């Protein structure tokens, strides 16, 4: 995490990599995956599962936590899964605080012309 300036380049290239090497695009494994990708992988999956999509409804929170636990050591860095669950209460609080603001947050961030 020393060089945060690389994160914007690394995120789209590494957040679909999996701890066991079965991800894409480069099939990186374990610590070959940059920290940015390992952290974002958990956040991305969590967000995708709790969010409504055109093709699916949001998953129940306990099911989401079960899926992330099941991915420990295969999909996700085990240490990061442990850290995720260490702050589980804070994650739930953030989710509940912003649950109805997705569209407003997105449109509020757009640049005005």
PDB file of N, CA and C in Angstrom:
ATOM      1  N   UNK A   1       0.814  -1.179   0.000  1.00  0.00           N
ATOM      2  CA  UNK A   1       0.000   0.000   0.000  1.00  0.00           C
ATOM      3  C   UNK A   1       0.865   1.254   0.000  1.00  0.00           C
ATOM      4  N   UNK A   2       2.150   1.089  -0.112  1.00  0.00           N
ATOM      5  CA  UNK A   2       3.041   2.248  -0.093  1.00  0.00           C
ATOM      6  C   UNK A   2       2.801   3.167  -1.273  1.00  0.00           C
ATOM      7  N   UNK A   3       2.519   2.606  -2.448  1.00  0.00           N
ATOM      8  CA  UNK A   3       2.366   3.429  -3.630  1.00  0.00           C
ATOM      9  C   UNK A   3       0.915   3.396  -4.115  1.00  0.00           C
ATOM     10  N   UNK A   4       0.108   4.287  -3.573  1.00  0.00           N
ATOM     11  CA  UNK A   4      -1.307   4.333  -3.930  1.00  0.00           C
ATOM     12  C   UNK A   4      -1.541   4.889  -5.329  1.00  0.00           C
ATOM     13  N   UNK A   5      -0.558   5.533  -5.902  1.00  0.00           N
ATOM     14  CA  UNK A   5      -0.747   6.119  -7.233  1.00  0.00           C
ATOM     15  C   UNK A   5      -0.942   5.040  -8.301  1.00  0.00           C
ATOM     16  N   UNK A   6      -0.516   3.819  -8.045  1.00  0.00           N
ATOM     17  CA  UNK A   6      -0.698   2.725  -9.009  1.00  0.00           C
ATOM     18  C   UNK A   6      -2.082   2.084  -8.935  1.00  0.00           C
ATOM     19  N   UNK A   7      -2.816   2.338  -7.869  1.00  0.00           N
ATOM     20  CA  UNK A   7      -4.113   1.663  -7.681  1.00  0.00           C
ATOM     21  C   UNK A   7      -5.070   1.842  -8.850  1.00  0.00           C
ATOM     22  N   UNK A   8      -5.234   3.043  -9.400  1.00  0.00           N
ATOM     23  CA  UNK A   8      -6.184   3.180 -10.523  1.00  0.00           C
ATOM     24  C   UNK A   8      -5.844   2.292 -11.718  1.00  0.00           C
ATOM     25  N   UNK A   9      -4.574   2.039 -11.936  1.00  0.00           N
ATOM     26  CA  UNK A   9      -4.157   1.161 -13.036  1.00  0.00           C
ATOM     27  C   UNK A   9      -4.372  -0.310 -12.674  1.00  0.00           C
ATOM     28  N   UNK A  10      -4.146  -0.655 -11.414  1.00  0.00           N
ATOM     29  CA  UNK A  10      -4.191  -2.050 -10.981  1.00  0.00           C
ATOM     30  C   UNK A  10      -5.607  -2.590 -10.780  1.00  0.00           C
ATOM     31  N   UNK A  11      -6.516  -1.744 -10.327  1.00  0.00           N
ATOM     32  CA  UNK A  11      -7.862  -2.225  -9.991  1.00  0.00           C
ATOM     33  C   UNK A  11      -8.556  -2.954 -11.136  1.00  0.00           C
ATOM     34  N   UNK A  12      -8.676  -2.334 -12.314  1.00  0.00           N
ATOM     35  CA  UNK A  12      -9.408  -3.042 -13.371  1.00  0.00           C
ATOM     36  C   UNK A  12      -8.676  -4.280 -13.892  1.00  0.00           C
ATOM     37  N   UNK A  13      -7.376  -4.328 -13.698  1.00  0.00           N
ATOM     38  CA  UNK A  13      -6.592  -5.456 -14.207  1.00  0.00           C
ATOM     39  C   UNK A  13      -6.469  -6.615 -13.227  1.00  0.00           C
ATOM     40  N   UNK A  14      -6.783  -6.378 -11.948  1.00  0.00           N
ATOM     41  CA  UNK A  14      -6.472  -7.423 -10.964  1.00  0.00           C
ATOM     42  C   UNK A  14      -7.621  -7.828 -10.043  1.00  0.00           C
ATOM     43  N   UNK A  15      -8.739  -7.121 -10.042  1.00  0.00           N
ATOM     44  CA  UNK A  15      -9.774  -7.453  -9.067  1.00  0.00           C
ATOM     45  C   UNK A  15     -10.583  -8.705  -9.424  1.00  0.00           C
ATOM     46  N   UNK A  16     -10.359  -9.268 -10.613  1.00  0.00           N
ATOM     47  CA  UNK A  16     -11.002 -10.532 -10.978  1.00  0.00           C
ATOM     48  C   UNK A  16     -10.040 -11.714 -10.869  1.00  0.00           C
ATOM     49  N   UNK A  17      -8.837 -11.449 -10.414  1.00  0.00           N
ATOM     50  CA  UNK A  17      -7.909 -12.534 -10.132  1.00  0.00           C
ATOM     51  C   UNK A  17      -8.376 -13.236  -8.857  1.00  0.00           C
ATOM     52  N   UNK A  18      -8.042 -14.509  -8.719  1.00  0.00           N
ATOM     53  CA  UNK A  18      -8.447 -15.270  -7.536  1.00  0.00           C
ATOM     54  C   UNK A  18      -7.212 -15.820  -6.832  1.00  0.00           C
ATOM     55  N   UNK A  19      -7.309 -15.908  -5.526  1.00  0.00           N
ATOM     56  CA  UNK A  19      -6.202 -16.327  -4.682  1.00  0.00           C
ATOM     57  C   UNK A  19      -5.595 -17.649  -5.156  1.00  0.00           C
ATOM     58  N   UNK A  20      -6.437 -18.568  -5.644  1.00  0.00           N
ATOM     59  CA  UNK A  20      -5.939 -19.880  -6.064  1.00  0.00           C
ATOM     60  C   UNK A  20      -5.420 -19.905  -7.499  1.00  0.00           C
ATOM     61  N   UNK A  21      -5.447 -18.761  -8.182  1.00  0.00           N
ATOM     62  CA  UNK A  21      -4.912 -18.681  -9.543  1.00  0.00           C
ATOM     63  C   UNK A  21      -5.932 -18.955 -10.633  1.00  0.00           C
ATOM     64  N   UNK A  22      -7.186 -19.147 -10.283  1.00  0.00           N
ATOM     65  CA  UNK A  22      -8.206 -19.481 -11.282  1.00  0.00           C
ATOM     66  C   UNK A  22      -8.929 -18.260 -11.856  1.00  0.00           C
ATOM     67  N   UNK A  23      -8.490 -17.061 -11.488  1.00  0.00           N
ATOM     68  CA  UNK A  23      -9.150 -15.847 -11.968  1.00  0.00           C
ATOM     69  C   UNK A  23      -8.645 -15.407 -13.326  1.00  0.00           C
ATOM     70  N   UNK A  24      -8.948 -14.177 -13.659  1.00  0.00           N
ATOM     71  CA  UNK A  24      -8.532 -13.625 -14.943  1.00  0.00           C
ATOM     72  C   UNK A  24      -8.219 -12.152 -14.773  1.00  0.00           C
ATOM     73  N   UNK A  25      -7.466 -11.532 -15.651  1.00  0.00           N
ATOM     74  CA  UNK A  25      -7.065 -11.983 -16.982  1.00  0.00           C
ATOM     75  C   UNK A  25      -5.739 -12.748 -17.024  1.00  0.00           C
ATOM     76  N   UNK A  26      -4.909 -12.630 -15.972  1.00  0.00           N
ATOM     77  CA  UNK A  26      -3.566 -13.220 -16.047  1.00  0.00           C
ATOM     78  C   UNK A  26      -3.388 -14.476 -15.207  1.00  0.00           C
ATOM     79  N   UNK A  27      -4.448 -14.922 -14.527  1.00  0.00           N
ATOM     80  CA  UNK A  27      -4.384 -16.097 -13.661  1.00  0.00           C
ATOM     81  C   UNK A  27      -3.288 -15.953 -12.590  1.00  0.00           C
ATOM     82  N   UNK A  28      -3.193 -14.743 -12.042  1.00  0.00           N
ATOM     83  CA  UNK A  28      -2.251 -14.508 -10.953  1.00  0.00           C
ATOM     84  C   UNK A  28      -2.701 -15.310  -9.741  1.00  0.00           C
ATOM     85  N   UNK A  29      -1.735 -15.660  -8.893  1.00  0.00           N
ATOM     86  CA  UNK A  29      -2.033 -16.505  -7.744  1.00  0.00           C
ATOM     87  C   UNK A  29      -1.427 -15.911  -6.477  1.00  0.00           C
ATOM     88  N   UNK A  30      -2.175 -15.990  -5.381  1.00  0.00           N
ATOM     89  CA  UNK A  30      -1.666 -15.587  -4.081  1.00  0.00           C
ATOM     90  C   UNK A  30      -1.104 -14.181  -4.075  1.00  0.00           C
ATOM     91  N   UNK A  31       0.097 -14.053  -3.517  1.00  0.00           N
ATOM     92  CA  UNK A  31       0.691 -12.725  -3.360  1.00  0.00           C
ATOM     93  C   UNK A  31       1.154 -12.110  -4.681  1.00  0.00           C
ATOM     94  N   UNK A  32       1.027 -12.842  -5.797  1.00  0.00           N
ATOM     95  CA  UNK A  32       1.282 -12.234  -7.108  1.00  0.00           C
ATOM     96  C   UNK A  32       0.222 -11.167  -7.411  1.00  0.00           C
ATOM     97  N   UNK A  33      -0.944 -11.308  -6.794  1.00  0.00           N
ATOM     98  CA  UNK A  33      -2.036 -10.354  -7.006  1.00  0.00           C
ATOM     99  C   UNK A  33      -1.737  -9.111  -6.172  1.00  0.00           C
ATOM    100  N   UNK A  34      -1.681  -7.952  -6.789  1.00  0.00           N
ATOM    101  CA  UNK A  34      -1.415  -6.730  -6.024  1.00  0.00           C
ATOM    102  C   UNK A  34      -2.471  -6.515  -4.932  1.00  0.00           C
ATOM    103  N   UNK A  35      -2.067  -5.846  -3.865  1.00  0.00           N
ATOM    104  CA  UNK A  35      -2.982  -5.575  -2.757  1.00  0.00           C
ATOM    105  C   UNK A  35      -4.269  -4.914  -3.241  1.00  0.00           C
ATOM    106  N   UNK A  36      -4.151  -3.996  -4.176  1.00  0.00           N
ATOM    107  CA  UNK A  36      -5.332  -3.298  -4.692  1.00  0.00           C
ATOM    108  C   UNK A  36      -6.355  -4.287  -5.235  1.00  0.00           C
ATOM    109  N   UNK A  37      -5.908  -5.266  -5.966  1.00  0.00           N
ATOM    110  CA  UNK A  37      -6.809  -6.267  -6.531  1.00  0.00           C
ATOM    111  C   UNK A  37      -7.400  -7.177  -5.477  1.00  0.00           C
ATOM    112  N   UNK A  38      -6.602  -7.558  -4.488  1.00  0.00           N
ATOM    113  CA  UNK A  38      -7.095  -8.451  -3.421  1.00  0.00           C
ATOM    114  C   UNK A  38      -8.153  -7.772  -2.568  1.00  0.00           C
ATOM    115  N   UNK A  39      -7.930  -6.511  -2.254  1.00  0.00           N
ATOM    116  CA  UNK A  39      -8.897  -5.767  -1.446  1.00  0.00           C
ATOM    117  C   UNK A  39     -10.176  -5.533  -2.254  1.00  0.00           C
ATOM    118  N   UNK A  40     -10.002  -5.080  -3.484  1.00  0.00           N
ATOM    119  CA  UNK A  40     -11.155  -4.752  -4.316  1.00  0.00           C
ATOM    120  C   UNK A  40     -11.972  -5.990  -4.672  1.00  0.00           C
ATOM    121  N   UNK A  41     -11.338  -7.141  -4.778  1.00  0.00           N
ATOM    122  CA  UNK A  41     -12.068  -8.372  -5.093  1.00  0.00           C
ATOM    123  C   UNK A  41     -13.168  -8.630  -4.064  1.00  0.00           C
ATOM    124  N   UNK A  42     -12.849  -8.499  -2.787  1.00  0.00           N
ATOM    125  CA  UNK A  42     -13.847  -8.737  -1.733  1.00  0.00           C
ATOM    126  C   UNK A  42     -14.920  -7.654  -1.783  1.00  0.00           C
ATOM    127  N   UNK A  43     -14.511  -6.403  -1.913  1.00  0.00           N
ATOM    128  CA  UNK A  43     -15.480  -5.305  -1.956  1.00  0.00           C
ATOM    129  C   UNK A  43     -16.403  -5.441  -3.166  1.00  0.00           C
ATOM    130  N   UNK A  44     -15.861  -5.822  -4.306  1.00  0.00           N
ATOM    131  CA  UNK A  44     -16.642  -5.956  -5.536  1.00  0.00           C
ATOM    132  C   UNK A  44     -17.679  -7.073  -5.409  1.00  0.00           C
ATOM    133  N   UNK A  45     -17.255  -8.215  -4.894  1.00  0.00           N
ATOM    134  CA  UNK A  45     -18.189  -9.335  -4.726  1.00  0.00           C
ATOM    135  C   UNK A  45     -19.259  -8.973  -3.705  1.00  0.00           C
ATOM    136  N   UNK A  46     -18.861  -8.375  -2.589  1.00  0.00           N
ATOM    137  CA  UNK A  46     -19.832  -7.962  -1.574  1.00  0.00           C
ATOM    138  C   UNK A  46     -20.870  -7.022  -2.195  1.00  0.00           C
ATOM    139  N   UNK A  47     -20.408  -6.005  -2.897  1.00  0.00           N
ATOM    140  CA  UNK A  47     -21.323  -5.038  -3.509  1.00  0.00           C
ATOM    141  C   UNK A  47     -22.233  -5.706  -4.541  1.00  0.00           C
ATOM    142  N   UNK A  48     -21.674  -6.552  -5.379  1.00  0.00           N
ATOM    143  CA  UNK A  48     -22.479  -7.218  -6.414  1.00  0.00           C
ATOM    144  C   UNK A  48     -23.569  -8.087  -5.791  1.00  0.00           C
ATOM    145  N   UNK A  49     -23.249  -8.766  -4.705  1.00  0.00           N
ATOM    146  CA  UNK A  49     -24.222  -9.671  -4.092  1.00  0.00           C
ATOM    147  C   UNK A  49     -25.312  -8.946  -3.312  1.00  0.00           C
ATOM    148  N   UNK A  50     -24.978  -7.839  -2.667  1.00  0.00           N
ATOM    149  CA  UNK A  50     -25.996  -7.136  -1.869  1.00  0.00           C
ATOM    150  C   UNK A  50     -26.852  -6.199  -2.723  1.00  0.00           C
ATOM    151  N   UNK A  51     -26.437  -5.954  -3.949  1.00  0.00           N
ATOM    152  CA  UNK A  51     -27.113  -4.980  -4.799  1.00  0.00           C
ATOM    153  C   UNK A  51     -28.119  -5.633  -5.737  1.00  0.00           C
ATOM    154  N   UNK A  52     -29.179  -4.892  -6.003  1.00  0.00           N
ATOM    155  CA  UNK A  52     -30.148  -5.306  -7.003  1.00  0.00           C
ATOM    156  C   UNK A  52     -29.530  -5.072  -8.376  1.00  0.00           C
ATOM    157  N   UNK A  53     -29.696  -6.030  -9.244  1.00  0.00           N
ATOM    158  CA  UNK A  53     -29.230  -5.917 -10.620  1.00  0.00           C
ATOM    159  C   UNK A  53     -30.408  -6.208 -11.540  1.00  0.00           C
ATOM    160  N   UNK A  54     -30.327  -5.841 -12.808  1.00  0.00           N
ATOM    161  CA  UNK A  54     -31.447  -6.131 -13.719  1.00  0.00           C
ATOM    162  C   UNK A  54     -31.765  -7.631 -13.802  1.00  0.00           C
ATOM    163  N   UNK A  55     -30.776  -8.468 -13.568  1.00  0.00           N
ATOM    164  CA  UNK A  55     -30.929  -9.905 -13.706  1.00  0.00           C
ATOM    165  C   UNK A  55     -31.102 -10.641 -12.382  1.00  0.00           C
ATOM    166  N   UNK A  56     -31.064  -9.932 -11.233  1.00  0.00           N
ATOM    167  CA  UNK A  56     -31.196 -10.597  -9.937  1.00  0.00           C
ATOM    168  C   UNK A  56     -31.532  -9.591  -8.848  1.00  0.00           C
ATOM    169  N   UNK A  57     -32.123 -10.103  -7.791  1.00  0.00           N
ATOM    170  CA  UNK A  57     -32.361  -9.276  -6.623  1.00  0.00           C
ATOM    171  C   UNK A  57     -31.161  -9.336  -5.689  1.00  0.00           C
ATOM    172  N   UNK A  58     -31.165  -8.513  -4.651  1.00  0.00           N
ATOM    173  CA  UNK A  58     -30.064  -8.573  -3.680  1.00  0.00           C
ATOM    174  C   UNK A  58     -30.118  -9.864  -2.872  1.00  0.00           C
ATOM    175  N   UNK A  59     -28.967 -10.414  -2.569  1.00  0.00           N
ATOM    176  CA  UNK A  59     -28.900 -11.614  -1.735  1.00  0.00           C
ATOM    177  C   UNK A  59     -29.081 -11.205  -0.276  1.00  0.00           C
ATOM    178  N   UNK A  60     -29.636 -12.097   0.548  1.00  0.00           N
ATOM    179  CA  UNK A  60     -29.685 -11.817   1.993  1.00  0.00           C
ATOM    180  C   UNK A  60     -28.263 -11.671   2.536  1.00  0.00           C
ATOM    181  N   UNK A  61     -28.109 -10.791   3.494  1.00  0.00           N
ATOM    182  CA  UNK A  61     -26.783 -10.470   4.028  1.00  0.00           C
ATOM    183  C   UNK A  61     -26.050 -11.697   4.552  1.00  0.00           C
ATOM    184  N   UNK A  62     -26.725 -12.569   5.265  1.00  0.00           N
ATOM    185  CA  UNK A  62     -26.043 -13.761   5.797  1.00  0.00           C
ATOM    186  C   UNK A  62     -25.558 -14.671   4.678  1.00  0.00           C
ATOM    187  N   UNK A  63     -26.315 -14.763   3.581  1.00  0.00           N
ATOM    188  CA  UNK A  63     -25.883 -15.555   2.421  1.00  0.00           C
ATOM    189  C   UNK A  63     -24.618 -14.942   1.816  1.00  0.00           C
ATOM    190  N   UNK A  64     -24.570 -13.608   1.741  1.00  0.00           N
ATOM    191  CA  UNK A  64     -23.392 -12.911   1.219  1.00  0.00           C
ATOM    192  C   UNK A  64     -22.173 -13.231   2.089  1.00  0.00           C
ATOM    193  N   UNK A  65     -22.346 -13.157   3.406  1.00  0.00           N
ATOM    194  CA  UNK A  65     -21.235 -13.466   4.304  1.00  0.00           C
ATOM    195  C   UNK A  65     -20.794 -14.921   4.146  1.00  0.00           C
ATOM    196  N   UNK A  66     -21.741 -15.824   3.963  1.00  0.00           N
ATOM    197  CA  UNK A  66     -21.391 -17.236   3.754  1.00  0.00           C
ATOM    198  C   UNK A  66     -20.571 -17.421   2.478  1.00  0.00           C
ATOM    199  N   UNK A  67     -20.970 -16.740   1.407  1.00  0.00           N
ATOM    200  CA  UNK A  67     -20.251 -16.852   0.131  1.00  0.00           C
ATOM    201  C   UNK A  67     -18.821 -16.341   0.277  1.00  0.00           C
ATOM    202  N   UNK A  68     -18.653 -15.228   0.969  1.00  0.00           N
ATOM    203  CA  UNK A  68     -17.302 -14.687   1.162  1.00  0.00           C
ATOM    204  C   UNK A  68     -16.470 -15.640   2.023  1.00  0.00           C
ATOM    205  N   UNK A  69     -17.071 -16.190   3.084  1.00  0.00           N
ATOM    206  CA  UNK A  69     -16.347 -17.178   3.916  1.00  0.00           C
ATOM    207  C   UNK A  69     -15.923 -18.383   3.087  1.00  0.00           C
ATOM    208  N   UNK A  70     -16.831 -18.858   2.237  1.00  0.00           N
ATOM    209  CA  UNK A  70     -16.525 -20.028   1.393  1.00  0.00           C
ATOM    210  C   UNK A  70     -15.381 -19.735   0.420  1.00  0.00           C
ATOM    211  N   UNK A  71     -15.214 -18.462   0.045  1.00  0.00           N
ATOM    212  CA  UNK A  71     -14.156 -18.091  -0.891  1.00  0.00           C
ATOM    213  C   UNK A  71     -12.804 -17.859  -0.240  1.00  0.00           C
ATOM    214  N   UNK A  72     -12.743 -17.993   1.079  1.00  0.00           N
ATOM    215  CA  UNK A  72     -11.489 -17.782   1.811  1.00  0.00           C
ATOM    216  C   UNK A  72     -10.456 -18.817   1.376  1.00  0.00           C
ATOM    217  N   UNK A  73      -9.347 -18.350   0.819  1.00  0.00           N
ATOM    218  CA  UNK A  73      -8.271 -19.247   0.404  1.00  0.00           C
ATOM    219  C   UNK A  73      -8.415 -19.773  -1.011  1.00  0.00           C
ATOM    220  N   UNK A  74      -9.576 -19.584  -1.625  1.00  0.00           N
ATOM    221  CA  UNK A  74      -9.734 -19.981  -3.024  1.00  0.00           C
ATOM    222  C   UNK A  74      -9.959 -18.732  -3.878  1.00  0.00           C
ATOM    223  N   UNK A  75     -11.028 -18.025  -3.627  1.00  0.00           N
ATOM    224  CA  UNK A  75     -11.297 -16.793  -4.366  1.00  0.00           C
ATOM    225  C   UNK A  75     -10.524 -15.613  -3.761  1.00  0.00           C
ATOM    226  N   UNK A  76     -10.513 -15.549  -2.437  1.00  0.00           N
ATOM    227  CA  UNK A  76      -9.970 -14.382  -1.739  1.00  0.00           C
ATOM    228  C   UNK A  76      -8.752 -14.714  -0.885  1.00  0.00           C
ATOM    229  N   UNK A  77      -7.917 -13.701  -0.676  1.00  0.00           N
ATOM    230  CA  UNK A  77      -6.788 -13.773   0.253  1.00  0.00           C
ATOM    231  C   UNK A  77      -7.353 -14.071   1.651  1.00  0.00           C
ATOM    232  N   UNK A  78      -6.924 -15.161   2.284  1.00  0.00           N
ATOM    233  CA  UNK A  78      -7.475 -15.520   3.595  1.00  0.00           C
ATOM    234  C   UNK A  78      -7.309 -14.424   4.649  1.00  0.00           C
ATOM    235  N   UNK A  79      -6.184 -13.729   4.631  1.00  0.00           N
ATOM    236  CA  UNK A  79      -5.972 -12.653   5.611  1.00  0.00           C
ATOM    237  C   UNK A  79      -6.969 -11.518   5.403  1.00  0.00           C
ATOM    238  N   UNK A  80      -7.305 -11.238   4.150  1.00  0.00           N
ATOM    239  CA  UNK A  80      -8.244 -10.151   3.881  1.00  0.00           C
ATOM    240  C   UNK A  80      -9.667 -10.555   4.233  1.00  0.00           C
ATOM    241  N   UNK A  81     -10.002 -11.819   4.075  1.00  0.00           N
ATOM    242  CA  UNK A  81     -11.321 -12.288   4.512  1.00  0.00           C
ATOM    243  C   UNK A  81     -11.418 -12.152   6.032  1.00  0.00           C
ATOM    244  N   UNK A  82     -10.364 -12.533   6.733  1.00  0.00           N
ATOM    245  CA  UNK A  82     -10.360 -12.387   8.195  1.00  0.00           C
ATOM    246  C   UNK A  82     -10.525 -10.924   8.590  1.00  0.00           C
ATOM    247  N   UNK A  83      -9.831 -10.019   7.888  1.00  0.00           N
ATOM    248  CA  UNK A  83      -9.939  -8.589   8.183  1.00  0.00           C
ATOM    249  C   UNK A  83     -11.348  -8.085   7.875  1.00  0.00           C
ATOM    250  N   UNK A  84     -11.942  -8.572   6.796  1.00  0.00           N
ATOM    251  CA  UNK A  84     -13.306  -8.205   6.431  1.00  0.00           C
ATOM    252  C   UNK A  84     -14.265  -8.555   7.570  1.00  0.00           C
ATOM    253  N   UNK A  85     -14.121  -9.763   8.105  1.00  0.00           N
ATOM    254  CA  UNK A  85     -15.021 -10.182   9.182  1.00  0.00           C
ATOM    255  C   UNK A  85     -14.689  -9.518  10.517  1.00  0.00           C
ATOM    256  N   UNK A  86     -13.465  -9.062  10.679  1.00  0.00           N
ATOM    257  CA  UNK A  86     -13.123  -8.290  11.885  1.00  0.00           C
ATOM    258  C   UNK A  86     -13.893  -6.975  11.944  1.00  0.00           C
ATOM    259  N   UNK A  87     -14.256  -6.436  10.784  1.00  0.00           N
ATOM    260  CA  UNK A  87     -15.004  -5.167  10.752  1.00  0.00           C
ATOM    261  C   UNK A  87     -16.427  -5.374  10.202  1.00  0.00           C
ATOM    262  N   UNK A  88     -16.937  -6.569  10.350  1.00  0.00           N
ATOM    263  CA  UNK A  88     -18.269  -6.913   9.832  1.00  0.00           C
ATOM    264  C   UNK A  88     -19.344  -5.926  10.305  1.00  0.00           C
ATOM    265  N   UNK A  89     -19.341  -5.564  11.579  1.00  0.00           N
ATOM    266  CA  UNK A  89     -20.364  -4.652  12.093  1.00  0.00           C
ATOM    267  C   UNK A  89     -20.290  -3.289  11.413  1.00  0.00           C
ATOM    268  N   UNK A  90     -19.089  -2.803  11.169  1.00  0.00           N
ATOM    269  CA  UNK A  90     -18.923  -1.525  10.488  1.00  0.00           C
ATOM    270  C   UNK A  90     -19.390  -1.611   9.037  1.00  0.00           C
ATOM    271  N   UNK A  91     -19.122  -2.731   8.392  1.00  0.00           N
ATOM    272  CA  UNK A  91     -19.553  -2.924   7.003  1.00  0.00           C
ATOM    273  C   UNK A  91     -21.080  -2.905   6.929  1.00  0.00           C
ATOM    274  N   UNK A  92     -21.732  -3.593   7.852  1.00  0.00           N
ATOM    275  CA  UNK A  92     -23.198  -3.604   7.882  1.00  0.00           C
ATOM    276  C   UNK A  92     -23.731  -2.194   8.126  1.00  0.00           C
ATOM    277  N   UNK A  93     -23.110  -1.465   9.030  1.00  0.00           N
ATOM    278  CA  UNK A  93     -23.544  -0.096   9.321  1.00  0.00           C
ATOM    279  C   UNK A  93     -23.421   0.794   8.076  1.00  0.00           C
ATOM    280  N   UNK A  94     -22.326   0.693   7.368  1.00  0.00           N
ATOM    281  CA  UNK A  94     -22.132   1.474   6.148  1.00  0.00           C
ATOM    282  C   UNK A  94     -23.172   1.084   5.097  1.00  0.00           C
ATOM    283  N   UNK A  95     -23.383  -0.207   4.933  1.00  0.00           N
ATOM    284  CA  UNK A  95     -24.388  -0.693   3.980  1.00  0.00           C
ATOM    285  C   UNK A  95     -25.756  -0.117   4.295  1.00  0.00           C
ATOM    286  N   UNK A  96     -26.147  -0.171   5.542  1.00  0.00           N
ATOM    287  CA  UNK A  96     -27.461   0.332   5.938  1.00  0.00           C
ATOM    288  C   UNK A  96     -27.552   1.856   5.807  1.00  0.00           C
ATOM    289  N   UNK A  97     -26.484   2.546   6.102  1.00  0.00           N
ATOM    290  CA  UNK A  97     -26.477   4.008   6.022  1.00  0.00           C
ATOM    291  C   UNK A  97     -26.682   4.490   4.591  1.00  0.00           C
ATOM    292  N   UNK A  98     -26.091   3.808   3.621  1.00  0.00           N
ATOM    293  CA  UNK A  98     -26.118   4.266   2.238  1.00  0.00           C
ATOM    294  C   UNK A  98     -26.977   3.419   1.312  1.00  0.00           C
ATOM    295  N   UNK A  99     -27.806   2.528   1.848  1.00  0.00           N
ATOM    296  CA  UNK A  99     -28.534   1.566   1.014  1.00  0.00           C
ATOM    297  C   UNK A  99     -29.437   2.200  -0.028  1.00  0.00           C
ATOM    298  N   UNK A 100     -30.014   3.337   0.251  1.00  0.00           N
ATOM    299  CA  UNK A 100     -30.941   3.952  -0.691  1.00  0.00           C
ATOM    300  C   UNK A 100     -30.334   5.106  -1.470  1.00  0.00           C
ATOM    301  N   UNK A 101     -29.041   5.273  -1.408  1.00  0.00           N
ATOM    302  CA  UNK A 101     -28.407   6.431  -2.023  1.00  0.00           C
ATOM    303  C   UNK A 101     -27.581   6.111  -3.258  1.00  0.00           C
ATOM    304  N   UNK A 102     -27.622   4.883  -3.739  1.00  0.00           N
ATOM    305  CA  UNK A 102     -26.788   4.487  -4.868  1.00  0.00           C
ATOM    306  C   UNK A 102     -26.892   5.411  -6.057  1.00  0.00           C
ATOM    307  N   UNK A 103     -28.109   5.630  -6.552  1.00  0.00           N
ATOM    308  CA  UNK A 103     -28.284   6.496  -7.709  1.00  0.00           C
ATOM    309  C   UNK A 103     -27.930   7.936  -7.384  1.00  0.00           C
ATOM    310  N   UNK A 104     -28.345   8.415  -6.232  1.00  0.00           N
ATOM    311  CA  UNK A 104     -28.053   9.795  -5.851  1.00  0.00           C
ATOM    312  C   UNK A 104     -26.546  10.016  -5.730  1.00  0.00           C
ATOM    313  N   UNK A 105     -25.848   9.049  -5.141  1.00  0.00           N
ATOM    314  CA  UNK A 105     -24.396   9.191  -5.004  1.00  0.00           C
ATOM    315  C   UNK A 105     -23.730   9.235  -6.370  1.00  0.00           C
ATOM    316  N   UNK A 106     -24.154   8.345  -7.266  1.00  0.00           N
ATOM    317  CA  UNK A 106     -23.554   8.285  -8.592  1.00  0.00           C
ATOM    318  C   UNK A 106     -23.777   9.594  -9.342  1.00  0.00           C
ATOM    319  N   UNK A 107     -25.012  10.045  -9.385  1.00  0.00           N
ATOM    320  CA  UNK A 107     -25.298  11.255 -10.141  1.00  0.00           C
ATOM    321  C   UNK A 107     -24.710  12.488  -9.463  1.00  0.00           C
ATOM    322  N   UNK A 108     -24.546  12.468  -8.159  1.00  0.00           N
ATOM    323  CA  UNK A 108     -23.931  13.566  -7.451  1.00  0.00           C
ATOM    324  C   UNK A 108     -22.442  13.687  -7.740  1.00  0.00           C
ATOM    325  N   UNK A 109     -21.823  12.591  -8.147  1.00  0.00           N
ATOM    326  CA  UNK A 109     -20.384  12.597  -8.432  1.00  0.00           C
ATOM    327  C   UNK A 109     -20.095  13.025  -9.858  1.00  0.00           C
ATOM    328  N   UNK A 110     -21.092  13.004 -10.728  1.00  0.00           N
ATOM    329  CA  UNK A 110     -20.862  13.372 -12.127  1.00  0.00           C
ATOM    330  C   UNK A 110     -20.484  14.844 -12.233  1.00  0.00           C
ATOM    331  N   UNK A 111     -19.615  15.136 -13.148  1.00  0.00           N
ATOM    332  CA  UNK A 111     -19.207  16.530 -13.364  1.00  0.00           C
ATOM    333  C   UNK A 111     -20.339  17.280 -14.046  1.00  0.00           C
ATOM    334  N   UNK A 112     -20.503  18.495 -13.627  1.00  0.00           N
ATOM    335  CA  UNK A 112     -21.516  19.342 -14.258  1.00  0.00           C
ATOM    336  C   UNK A 112     -20.910  20.007 -15.472  1.00  0.00           C
ATOM    337  N   UNK A 113     -21.686  20.041 -16.549  1.00  0.00           N
ATOM    338  CA  UNK A 113     -21.146  20.657 -17.778  1.00  0.00           C
ATOM    339  C   UNK A 113     -21.518  22.104 -17.890  1.00  0.00           C
TER     340      UNK A 113
END
